[in-house]
C-alpha atoms as a PDB file:
ATOM      1  CA  MET A   1      -7.730  -0.073  14.231  1.00  0.00           C
ATOM      2  CA  ILE A   2      -4.843   0.040  11.830  1.00  0.00           C
ATOM      3  CA  ARG A   3      -5.721   1.222   8.381  1.00  0.00           C
ATOM      4  CA  LEU A   4      -3.463  -0.918   5.684  1.00  0.00           C
ATOM      5  CA  LEU A   5      -2.989   0.038   1.761  1.00  0.00           C
ATOM      6  CA  LEU A   6      -1.638  -3.015  -0.108  1.00  0.00           C
ATOM      7  CA  VAL A   7       0.503  -2.220  -3.235  1.00  0.00           C
ATOM      8  CA  ASP A   8       1.670  -5.080  -5.689  1.00  0.00           C
ATOM      9  CA  ASP A   9       1.377  -5.649  -9.274  1.00  0.00           C
ATOM     10  CA  TYR A  10       0.162  -9.342  -8.615  1.00  0.00           C
ATOM     11  CA  HIS A  11      -3.430  -9.766  -7.737  1.00  0.00           C
ATOM     12  CA  ALA A  12      -2.671 -13.013  -6.072  1.00  0.00           C
ATOM     13  CA  ILE A  13      -0.182 -11.658  -3.750  1.00  0.00           C
ATOM     14  CA  ARG A  14      -2.517  -8.965  -2.908  1.00  0.00           C
ATOM     15  CA  ARG A  15      -5.281 -11.345  -2.189  1.00  0.00           C
ATOM     16  CA  LEU A  16      -3.173 -13.505   0.051  1.00  0.00           C
ATOM     17  CA  VAL A  17      -1.858 -10.960   2.025  1.00  0.00           C
ATOM     18  CA  ARG A  18      -5.500  -9.404   2.466  1.00  0.00           C
ATOM     19  CA  ARG A  19      -6.639 -12.784   3.607  1.00  0.00           C
ATOM     20  CA  SER A  20      -4.039 -13.297   6.215  1.00  0.00           C
ATOM     21  CA  VAL A  21      -4.140  -9.595   7.539  1.00  0.00           C
ATOM     22  CA  GLU A  22      -7.914  -9.608   7.806  1.00  0.00           C
ATOM     23  CA  ARG A  23      -7.768 -12.580  10.324  1.00  0.00           C
ATOM     24  CA  THR A  24      -6.273  -9.935  12.834  1.00  0.00           C
ATOM     25  CA  SER A  25      -8.899  -7.888  14.393  1.00  0.00           C
ATOM     26  CA  ASP A  26      -6.762  -4.477  14.612  1.00  0.00           C
ATOM     27  CA  ILE A  27      -5.873  -4.299  11.217  1.00  0.00           C
ATOM     28  CA  CYS A  28      -8.224  -3.070   8.332  1.00  0.00           C
ATOM     29  CA  VAL A  29      -7.256  -3.233   4.663  1.00  0.00           C
ATOM     30  CA  VAL A  30      -8.816   0.042   3.131  1.00  0.00           C
ATOM     31  CA  GLY A  31      -7.571  -0.370  -0.281  1.00  0.00           C
ATOM     32  CA  GLU A  32      -5.361  -2.047  -3.104  1.00  0.00           C
ATOM     33  CA  ALA A  33      -3.199  -0.663  -5.860  1.00  0.00           C
ATOM     34  CA  ALA A  34      -1.261  -2.625  -8.556  1.00  0.00           C
ATOM     35  CA  ASP A  35       1.445   0.222  -9.352  1.00  0.00           C
ATOM     36  CA  GLY A  36       2.939   3.263  -7.777  1.00  0.00           C
ATOM     37  CA  GLU A  37       0.852   5.738  -9.485  1.00  0.00           C
ATOM     38  CA  SER A  38      -2.401   4.228  -8.087  1.00  0.00           C
ATOM     39  CA  ALA A  39      -0.768   3.826  -4.685  1.00  0.00           C
ATOM     40  CA  ILE A  40      -0.201   7.492  -4.552  1.00  0.00           C
ATOM     41  CA  LEU A  41      -3.831   8.274  -5.540  1.00  0.00           C
ATOM     42  CA  HIS A  42      -5.290   5.780  -3.112  1.00  0.00           C
ATOM     43  CA  ALA A  43      -2.897   6.836  -0.405  1.00  0.00           C
ATOM     44  CA  SER A  44      -4.051  10.594  -0.808  1.00  0.00           C
ATOM     45  CA  THR A  45      -7.490   9.734  -0.479  1.00  0.00           C
ATOM     46  CA  LEU A  46      -7.732   6.924   1.814  1.00  0.00           C
ATOM     47  CA  ARG A  47      -5.092   8.160   4.300  1.00  0.00           C
ATOM     48  CA  PRO A  48      -3.748   4.779   5.579  1.00  0.00           C
ATOM     49  CA  HIS A  49      -1.733   4.310   8.495  1.00  0.00           C
ATOM     50  CA  VAL A  50       0.546   1.811   6.656  1.00  0.00           C
ATOM     51  CA  ILE A  51       1.317   0.982   3.356  1.00  0.00           C
ATOM     52  CA  LEU A  52       2.685  -2.167   2.491  1.00  0.00           C
ATOM     53  CA  MET A  53       4.583  -1.522  -0.874  1.00  0.00           C
ATOM     54  CA  ASP A  54       6.175  -3.990  -3.475  1.00  0.00           C
ATOM     55  CA  CYS A  55       9.585  -2.967  -4.534  1.00  0.00           C
ATOM     56  CA  ARG A  56       9.337  -3.725  -8.353  1.00  0.00           C
ATOM     57  CA  MET A  57       6.365  -3.024 -10.340  1.00  0.00           C
ATOM     58  CA  PRO A  58       5.617  -1.846 -13.953  1.00  0.00           C
ATOM     59  CA  GLY A  59       5.688   1.967 -14.382  1.00  0.00           C
ATOM     60  CA  MET A  60       6.303   3.563 -11.304  1.00  0.00           C
ATOM     61  CA  GLY A  61       8.035   1.095  -8.890  1.00  0.00           C
ATOM     62  CA  GLY A  62       7.856   1.068  -5.083  1.00  0.00           C
ATOM     63  CA  ILE A  63      10.917   2.963  -4.462  1.00  0.00           C
ATOM     64  CA  ALA A  64       9.953   6.142  -6.559  1.00  0.00           C
ATOM     65  CA  ALA A  65       6.279   5.790  -5.364  1.00  0.00           C
ATOM     66  CA  THR A  66       7.576   5.748  -1.700  1.00  0.00           C
ATOM     67  CA  ALA A  67       9.791   8.996  -2.322  1.00  0.00           C
ATOM     68  CA  HIS A  68       6.595  10.885  -3.613  1.00  0.00           C
ATOM     69  CA  LEU A  69       4.574   9.430  -0.709  1.00  0.00           C
ATOM     70  CA  ARG A  70       6.836  10.904   1.957  1.00  0.00           C
ATOM     71  CA  THR A  71       5.434  14.306   0.903  1.00  0.00           C
ATOM     72  CA  THR A  72       1.955  13.467   0.028  1.00  0.00           C
ATOM     73  CA  VAL A  73       0.932  11.448   3.025  1.00  0.00           C
ATOM     74  CA  PRO A  74       4.014  12.003   5.514  1.00  0.00           C
ATOM     75  CA  GLN A  75       1.908  10.587   8.346  1.00  0.00           C
ATOM     76  CA  SER A  76       1.842   7.166   6.554  1.00  0.00           C
ATOM     77  CA  THR A  77       4.401   4.317   7.268  1.00  0.00           C
ATOM     78  CA  VAL A  78       5.772   2.751   4.215  1.00  0.00           C
ATOM     79  CA  ILE A  79       7.010  -0.707   4.387  1.00  0.00           C
ATOM     80  CA  ILE A  80       8.660  -1.895   1.219  1.00  0.00           C
ATOM     81  CA  VAL A  81       8.739  -5.664   0.367  1.00  0.00           C
END
């Protein structure tokens, strides 16, 4: 089972992606975050296999958060959208 963390500042986008992904039996959405800071906190505790990251968000954006995640959860793969 692939553990996925969704990161996007738009709730509607996160909801749409969650619904699409949850139709697949081998992917489980373990959490959601609306900004880079929350993504770092969630990733540290949830230890997802994959983080689907929005590039532009208020506060800490996806690029800065991904740089931080490389040291915090190096085992996670980050896909930037």
